[in-house]
């Protein structure tokens, strides 16, 4: 609760939540009522929290209390009838995108952004092609999930999973991301179990080691996308800082310390990383650990000059992994027609590659 309250206080120019409570003359139980209504009951506006006195609601209105730190500018529904993308405005004019994926079996996953833009410049990713604007606060991350939770609640449904796979590199904004995880998990609030949360990283090695020591049951995913340094360095600049050997060393330490599985994301790029030899090299990297590979069809972006591997090539690649005893899954792309699939997220305010800014 303190994270949520503090973020909103700072948005009003106050140092922390206690300063706001003091200015409003609020007792602790009133702060708790506000938090419970917003986060547990998913109230959509201050006036809906009738447990608060009208005078207090009026005061919060007068102060422009940031009940929501993100506001939907555009909401698009995919032709697959399972994917919804929201373009959200932040209070400083920045924009981010988040996606709701409604799977069969009543599983509803929200893909949230952790930054406006991204500094890691992966060649295949629309967000990275536009550059970095700023980190998001814990509340700005959490409120993306809360928005879609309200949408689902109106249908008698709920968010079952949250993945940090939207715009930005989560481990570049480590503290705010862990704060958002705490808000998502709070049993007195949103109440989403740790095992239903996944954080994906391009391989920020020091943060993988730090994350291993957190004692959380949150899932870890690694964006690998190539089995050799030469291939990975050509499409992911992060590999020049932390080569595959260093990355895999951190992954081995993580498994040893936590006993938890790691998911490796592998984007299938035609002629880049999809040969049988690449599959064999990947299998060698994966050998003997709690590793699972997700093979991801490439989703086109405006500025990247790649083609996705054909289905037969992906199938053959998976057969090599299977023969080597490496568990793998071929992902089913969702929301391509509204640029909501993996690697496609980029807000309207982000420049196109090569454009003047």
Protein backbone atom coordinates (compact mmCIF):
# COMPACT_ATOMS: atom_id res chain seq x y z
CA UNK A 1 0.00 0.00 0.00
CA UNK A 2 2.82 2.41 0.87
CA UNK A 3 4.25 2.23 -2.67
CA UNK A 4 0.92 3.07 -4.27
CA UNK A 5 0.21 5.90 -1.83
CA UNK A 6 3.74 7.34 -2.02
CA UNK A 7 3.72 7.40 -5.83
CA UNK A 8 0.53 9.41 -5.88
CA UNK A 9 1.78 11.80 -3.22
CA UNK A 10 4.95 12.47 -5.20
CA UNK A 11 2.83 13.14 -8.31
CA UNK A 12 1.33 16.01 -6.31
CA UNK A 13 4.75 17.35 -5.41
CA UNK A 14 4.86 15.90 -1.88
CA UNK A 15 7.78 13.89 -0.57
CA UNK A 16 5.78 10.80 0.45
CA UNK A 17 2.36 9.44 1.33
CA UNK A 18 2.58 10.45 4.95
CA UNK A 19 3.04 14.09 3.94
CA UNK A 20 -0.16 13.88 1.88
CA UNK A 21 -2.03 12.20 4.74
CA UNK A 22 -0.86 14.94 7.11
CA UNK A 23 -1.95 17.72 4.72
CA UNK A 24 -5.39 16.14 4.35
CA UNK A 25 -5.65 15.30 8.03
CA UNK A 26 -6.23 11.65 7.12
CA UNK A 27 -6.15 8.86 9.64
CA UNK A 28 -4.48 5.63 8.59
CA UNK A 29 -7.77 3.77 8.18
CA UNK A 30 -8.97 6.34 5.63
CA UNK A 31 -5.83 5.78 3.54
CA UNK A 32 -6.55 2.06 3.79
CA UNK A 33 -10.11 2.57 2.60
CA UNK A 34 -8.92 4.52 -0.42
CA UNK A 35 -6.33 1.89 -1.29
CA UNK A 36 -8.76 -1.02 -0.82
CA UNK A 37 -11.39 0.60 -3.03
CA UNK A 38 -8.94 1.41 -5.81
CA UNK A 39 -6.85 -1.76 -5.80
CA UNK A 40 -9.08 -4.51 -4.42
CA UNK A 41 -12.53 -3.33 -5.48
CA UNK A 42 -11.15 -1.73 -8.68
CA UNK A 43 -13.17 1.46 -8.30
CA UNK A 44 -12.90 3.61 -11.41
CA UNK A 45 -13.03 7.08 -9.86
CA UNK A 46 -12.94 8.94 -6.57
CA UNK A 47 -16.69 9.54 -6.49
CA UNK A 48 -17.31 5.79 -6.57
CA UNK A 49 -15.65 5.36 -3.17
CA UNK A 50 -18.71 6.17 -1.13
CA UNK A 51 -17.12 4.89 2.08
CA UNK A 52 -15.11 8.13 2.05
CA UNK A 53 -16.86 11.28 3.29
CA UNK A 54 -18.00 13.66 0.54
CA UNK A 55 -15.77 16.38 1.97
CA UNK A 56 -12.73 14.17 1.54
CA UNK A 57 -13.72 13.20 -2.00
CA UNK A 58 -14.15 16.90 -2.81
CA UNK A 59 -10.71 17.64 -1.39
CA UNK A 60 -9.11 14.87 -3.43
CA UNK A 61 -10.81 16.24 -6.54
CA UNK A 62 -9.61 19.77 -5.75
CA UNK A 63 -6.04 18.51 -5.49
CA UNK A 64 -6.36 16.53 -8.73
CA UNK A 65 -5.42 13.44 -6.79
CA UNK A 66 -3.93 10.97 -9.32
CA UNK A 67 -6.38 8.14 -8.79
CA UNK A 68 -5.09 6.65 -12.06
CA UNK A 69 -1.57 7.37 -13.23
CA UNK A 70 -2.34 6.16 -16.77
CA UNK A 71 -5.22 7.27 -18.98
CA UNK A 72 -6.34 5.39 -22.11
CA UNK A 73 -5.99 7.47 -25.26
CA UNK A 74 -6.75 4.72 -27.77
CA UNK A 75 -8.01 1.18 -27.16
CA UNK A 76 -7.92 -1.27 -30.08
CA UNK A 77 -9.46 -4.72 -30.37
CA UNK A 78 -7.81 -7.31 -32.61
CA UNK A 79 -9.67 -9.27 -35.24
CA UNK A 80 -8.73 -12.42 -33.29
CA UNK A 81 -11.26 -11.27 -30.65
CA UNK A 82 -8.75 -12.20 -27.97
CA UNK A 83 -6.35 -9.26 -27.91
CA UNK A 84 -6.86 -5.67 -26.75
CA UNK A 85 -4.14 -3.01 -26.90
CA UNK A 86 -4.28 0.20 -24.92
CA UNK A 87 -2.30 3.33 -25.71
CA UNK A 88 -2.01 5.12 -22.36
CA UNK A 89 -1.07 8.71 -21.64
CA UNK A 90 1.03 9.46 -18.57
CA UNK A 91 0.67 12.66 -16.59
CA UNK A 92 3.74 14.26 -18.21
CA UNK A 93 2.53 13.59 -21.76
CA UNK A 94 4.59 10.45 -22.38
CA UNK A 95 2.74 7.46 -23.83
CA UNK A 96 3.07 3.72 -23.33
CA UNK A 97 1.25 0.63 -24.55
CA UNK A 98 -0.07 -2.43 -22.73
CA UNK A 99 -1.93 -5.49 -23.99
CA UNK A 100 -4.67 -7.77 -22.67
CA UNK A 101 -4.62 -11.31 -24.07
CA UNK A 102 -7.69 -13.44 -23.40
CA UNK A 103 -6.72 -17.07 -23.79
CA UNK A 104 -8.96 -20.10 -23.93
CA UNK A 105 -9.75 -21.61 -20.54
CA UNK A 106 -10.45 -18.28 -18.80
CA UNK A 107 -6.77 -17.28 -18.58
CA UNK A 108 -6.32 -13.55 -19.05
CA UNK A 109 -2.81 -12.16 -19.35
CA UNK A 110 -1.84 -8.49 -19.21
CA UNK A 111 1.47 -7.52 -20.82
CA UNK A 112 2.71 -4.35 -19.12
CA UNK A 113 5.38 -1.79 -20.00
CA UNK A 114 8.06 -0.81 -17.50
CA UNK A 115 9.54 2.16 -19.37
CA UNK A 116 8.54 4.75 -21.93
CA UNK A 117 10.78 3.53 -24.73
CA UNK A 118 13.84 1.34 -24.23
CA UNK A 119 17.59 1.98 -24.15
CA UNK A 120 18.67 -1.48 -25.33
CA UNK A 121 17.97 -1.04 -29.07
CA UNK A 122 17.30 -4.63 -30.11
CA UNK A 123 17.18 -4.57 -33.91
CA UNK A 124 13.93 -6.54 -34.19
CA UNK A 125 11.94 -4.58 -31.60
CA UNK A 126 9.82 -1.52 -32.40
CA UNK A 127 10.25 -0.07 -28.91
CA UNK A 128 14.03 -0.34 -29.02
CA UNK A 129 14.19 1.24 -32.47
CA UNK A 130 12.76 4.46 -31.05
CA UNK A 131 15.03 4.95 -28.04
CA UNK A 132 14.49 5.64 -24.35
CA UNK A 133 12.38 8.38 -22.76
CA UNK A 134 12.08 7.56 -19.05
CA UNK A 135 11.42 4.95 -16.37
CA UNK A 136 7.88 4.33 -15.15
CA UNK A 137 6.96 4.45 -11.47
CA UNK A 138 5.61 1.38 -9.70
CA UNK A 139 2.10 2.83 -9.87
CA UNK A 140 2.34 3.60 -13.59
CA UNK A 141 3.28 -0.03 -14.20
CA UNK A 142 0.64 -1.42 -11.85
CA UNK A 143 -2.14 0.81 -13.16
CA UNK A 144 -1.84 -0.77 -16.62
CA UNK A 145 -2.90 -4.08 -15.08
CA UNK A 146 -5.52 -2.35 -12.95
CA UNK A 147 -7.10 -0.77 -16.03
CA UNK A 148 -7.58 -4.12 -17.74
CA UNK A 149 -8.68 -5.71 -14.46
CA UNK A 150 -11.58 -3.23 -14.36
CA UNK A 151 -12.42 -4.07 -17.98
CA UNK A 152 -12.57 -7.78 -17.15
CA UNK A 153 -14.41 -7.26 -13.86
CA UNK A 154 -17.31 -5.70 -15.77
CA UNK A 155 -17.66 -9.11 -17.45
CA UNK A 156 -17.33 -11.09 -14.23
CA UNK A 157 -13.75 -12.08 -15.06
CA UNK A 158 -10.31 -11.25 -13.74
CA UNK A 159 -6.63 -10.91 -14.60
CA UNK A 160 -4.93 -14.25 -14.05
CA UNK A 161 -1.39 -13.45 -15.25
CA UNK A 162 0.85 -10.43 -15.70
CA UNK A 163 3.99 -10.43 -17.85
CA UNK A 164 6.61 -7.68 -17.89
CA UNK A 165 7.19 -8.02 -21.63
CA UNK A 166 5.89 -4.70 -22.94
CA UNK A 167 7.84 -1.55 -23.67
CA UNK A 168 11.16 -1.23 -21.86
CA UNK A 169 13.71 -3.43 -20.10
CA UNK A 170 12.32 -4.34 -16.65
CA UNK A 171 15.72 -4.90 -15.04
CA UNK A 172 16.82 -1.43 -16.18
CA UNK A 173 14.04 -0.13 -13.89
CA UNK A 174 14.54 -2.77 -11.23
CA UNK A 175 13.25 -1.10 -8.07
CA UNK A 176 10.05 0.23 -9.66
CA UNK A 177 9.35 -3.16 -11.26
CA UNK A 178 9.77 -4.95 -7.94
CA UNK A 179 7.48 -2.34 -6.40
CA UNK A 180 4.86 -3.08 -9.04
CA UNK A 181 5.24 -6.80 -8.31
CA UNK A 182 4.56 -6.07 -4.64
CA UNK A 183 1.39 -4.18 -5.57
CA UNK A 184 0.22 -6.97 -7.85
CA UNK A 185 0.89 -9.60 -5.22
CA UNK A 186 -0.48 -7.81 -2.13
CA UNK A 187 -3.04 -10.22 -0.60
CA UNK A 188 -4.91 -7.22 0.87
CA UNK A 189 -5.03 -5.60 -2.56
CA UNK A 190 -4.77 -6.96 -6.10
CA UNK A 191 -3.88 -10.42 -4.82
CA UNK A 192 -2.12 -11.95 -7.85
CA UNK A 193 0.15 -14.86 -6.90
CA UNK A 194 3.86 -14.55 -7.61
CA UNK A 195 3.80 -17.64 -9.83
CA UNK A 196 1.36 -15.84 -12.13
CA UNK A 197 3.86 -13.01 -12.75
CA UNK A 198 6.73 -13.20 -15.27
CA UNK A 199 9.58 -10.72 -15.70
CA UNK A 200 11.48 -10.79 -19.01
CA UNK A 201 14.97 -9.37 -19.42
CA UNK A 202 17.40 -9.04 -22.34
CA UNK A 203 20.09 -10.29 -19.98
CA UNK A 204 21.18 -7.62 -17.50
CA UNK A 205 23.52 -9.96 -15.63
CA UNK A 206 23.94 -8.06 -12.31
CA UNK A 207 20.17 -7.77 -11.95
CA UNK A 208 19.64 -11.47 -12.65
CA UNK A 209 21.98 -12.20 -9.74
CA UNK A 210 20.17 -9.67 -7.57
CA UNK A 211 16.79 -11.10 -8.54
CA UNK A 212 17.94 -14.59 -7.56
CA UNK A 213 18.40 -13.32 -4.01
CA UNK A 214 14.94 -11.77 -3.67
CA UNK A 215 13.29 -15.03 -2.59
CA UNK A 216 10.34 -14.47 -4.93
CA UNK A 217 8.39 -17.12 -6.80
CA UNK A 218 8.09 -14.77 -9.79
CA UNK A 219 8.96 -16.36 -13.14
CA UNK A 220 12.09 -15.27 -15.01
CA UNK A 221 12.28 -15.12 -18.81
CA UNK A 222 15.44 -14.38 -20.82
CA UNK A 223 15.31 -12.85 -24.29
CA UNK A 224 18.09 -14.89 -25.90
CA UNK A 225 17.20 -14.97 -29.63
CA UNK A 226 20.54 -16.36 -30.85
CA UNK A 227 22.91 -19.13 -29.72
CA UNK A 228 26.29 -17.48 -30.45
CA UNK A 229 27.87 -14.16 -29.55
CA UNK A 230 28.36 -13.24 -33.20
CA UNK A 231 24.69 -13.76 -34.04
CA UNK A 232 23.32 -12.25 -30.83
CA UNK A 233 25.63 -9.25 -30.92
CA UNK A 234 24.41 -8.40 -34.42
CA UNK A 235 20.78 -8.04 -33.29
CA UNK A 236 21.09 -7.30 -29.55
CA UNK A 237 23.63 -4.66 -28.49
CA UNK A 238 23.36 -5.83 -24.86
CA UNK A 239 25.45 -8.86 -25.85
CA UNK A 240 28.47 -6.59 -26.24
CA UNK A 241 28.20 -5.79 -22.52
CA UNK A 242 27.27 -9.23 -21.25
CA UNK A 243 28.20 -11.99 -23.65
CA UNK A 244 26.32 -15.28 -23.79
CA UNK A 245 28.85 -17.01 -21.52
CA UNK A 246 28.31 -14.41 -18.79
CA UNK A 247 24.55 -14.53 -19.28
CA UNK A 248 24.35 -18.30 -19.09
CA UNK A 249 26.58 -18.23 -16.00
CA UNK A 250 24.08 -15.92 -14.30
CA UNK A 251 21.24 -18.21 -15.36
CA UNK A 252 23.02 -21.25 -13.91
CA UNK A 253 23.54 -19.38 -10.63
CA UNK A 254 19.87 -18.40 -10.59
CA UNK A 255 18.71 -22.00 -11.01
CA UNK A 256 21.16 -23.25 -8.40
CA UNK A 257 20.09 -20.62 -5.86
CA UNK A 258 16.34 -20.70 -6.45
CA UNK A 259 15.58 -24.13 -7.89
CA UNK A 260 13.27 -22.40 -10.35
CA UNK A 261 12.90 -22.87 -14.10
CA UNK A 262 13.98 -20.17 -16.56
CA UNK A 263 12.10 -19.51 -19.79
CA UNK A 264 14.18 -18.53 -22.82
CA UNK A 265 12.52 -16.45 -25.53
CA UNK A 266 13.82 -17.22 -29.03
CA UNK A 267 12.53 -15.14 -31.93
CA UNK A 268 12.60 -17.08 -35.20
CA UNK A 269 14.24 -14.87 -37.85
CA UNK A 270 14.59 -16.22 -41.38
CA UNK A 271 18.22 -16.73 -42.37
CA UNK A 272 19.46 -15.18 -39.12
CA UNK A 273 19.08 -17.74 -36.33
CA UNK A 274 16.85 -20.52 -37.64
CA UNK A 275 19.24 -23.09 -39.14
CA UNK A 276 19.53 -26.66 -37.88
CA UNK A 277 23.05 -25.74 -36.72
CA UNK A 278 21.58 -22.92 -34.65
CA UNK A 279 19.13 -25.32 -33.04
CA UNK A 280 21.96 -27.69 -32.14
CA UNK A 281 24.00 -24.85 -30.64
CA UNK A 282 20.97 -23.68 -28.67
CA UNK A 283 20.40 -27.21 -27.40
CA UNK A 284 23.98 -27.27 -26.10
CA UNK A 285 23.35 -24.04 -24.18
CA UNK A 286 20.18 -25.46 -22.68
CA UNK A 287 21.57 -28.87 -21.68
CA UNK A 288 21.11 -30.18 -18.16
CA UNK A 289 19.29 -27.24 -16.56
CA UNK A 290 15.76 -26.21 -15.65
CA UNK A 291 15.40 -24.38 -18.94
CA UNK A 292 12.42 -24.10 -21.30
CA UNK A 293 12.58 -22.51 -24.75
CA UNK A 294 9.72 -20.49 -26.23
CA UNK A 295 10.02 -20.28 -30.02
CA UNK A 296 8.35 -17.05 -31.13
CA UNK A 297 7.19 -16.29 -34.69
CA UNK A 298 8.59 -12.94 -35.79
CA UNK A 299 6.12 -10.07 -35.79
CA UNK A 300 6.96 -7.38 -38.33
CA UNK A 301 7.85 -3.85 -37.22
CA UNK A 302 7.98 -0.66 -39.34
CA UNK A 303 11.75 -0.22 -39.35
CA UNK A 304 13.30 -3.66 -38.90
CA UNK A 305 14.44 -5.51 -42.02
CA UNK A 306 13.69 -9.08 -40.98
CA UNK A 307 11.43 -11.86 -42.14
CA UNK A 308 9.89 -14.52 -39.97
CA UNK A 309 10.90 -18.16 -40.39
CA UNK A 310 8.44 -20.35 -42.26
CA UNK A 311 6.36 -22.76 -40.23
CA UNK A 312 8.20 -25.84 -41.53
CA UNK A 313 11.53 -24.29 -40.49
CA UNK A 314 10.21 -23.58 -36.99
CA UNK A 315 8.90 -27.14 -36.70
CA UNK A 316 12.26 -28.57 -37.79
CA UNK A 317 14.06 -26.32 -35.31
CA UNK A 318 11.85 -27.59 -32.51
CA UNK A 319 12.44 -31.21 -33.49
CA UNK A 320 16.18 -30.71 -32.94
CA UNK A 321 15.52 -29.33 -29.46
CA UNK A 322 13.16 -32.16 -28.64
CA UNK A 323 15.65 -34.79 -29.80
CA UNK A 324 18.23 -33.21 -27.49
CA UNK A 325 15.81 -33.35 -24.55
CA UNK A 326 15.21 -29.59 -24.40
CA UNK A 327 11.59 -28.67 -23.55
CA UNK A 328 10.14 -26.09 -25.93
CA UNK A 329 6.90 -24.45 -27.03
CA UNK A 330 6.01 -22.71 -30.28
CA UNK A 331 4.17 -19.55 -29.32
CA UNK A 332 0.93 -18.58 -31.04
CA UNK A 333 1.08 -14.88 -32.04
CA UNK A 334 -1.81 -12.69 -30.91
CA UNK A 335 -2.79 -9.17 -31.96
CA UNK A 336 -0.56 -8.77 -35.00
CA UNK A 337 -3.18 -6.75 -36.89
CA UNK A 338 -3.16 -4.04 -34.21
CA UNK A 339 0.64 -4.18 -33.64
CA UNK A 340 0.09 -5.73 -30.22
CA UNK A 341 2.26 -8.83 -30.65
CA UNK A 342 5.74 -9.41 -29.20
CA UNK A 343 8.23 -6.79 -30.41
CA UNK A 344 5.62 -4.52 -31.99
CA UNK A 345 4.80 -2.12 -29.14
CA UNK A 346 5.67 1.51 -29.71
CA UNK A 347 3.58 4.45 -28.60
CA UNK A 348 2.49 7.08 -31.11
CA UNK A 349 4.74 9.71 -29.53
CA UNK A 350 7.85 7.62 -30.09
CA UNK A 351 9.80 8.62 -33.22
CA UNK A 352 10.37 6.26 -36.10
CA UNK A 353 13.96 5.21 -36.72
CA UNK A 354 15.77 7.83 -38.77
CA UNK A 355 13.12 10.50 -38.17
CA UNK A 356 14.12 13.94 -36.92
CA UNK A 357 13.29 14.56 -33.27
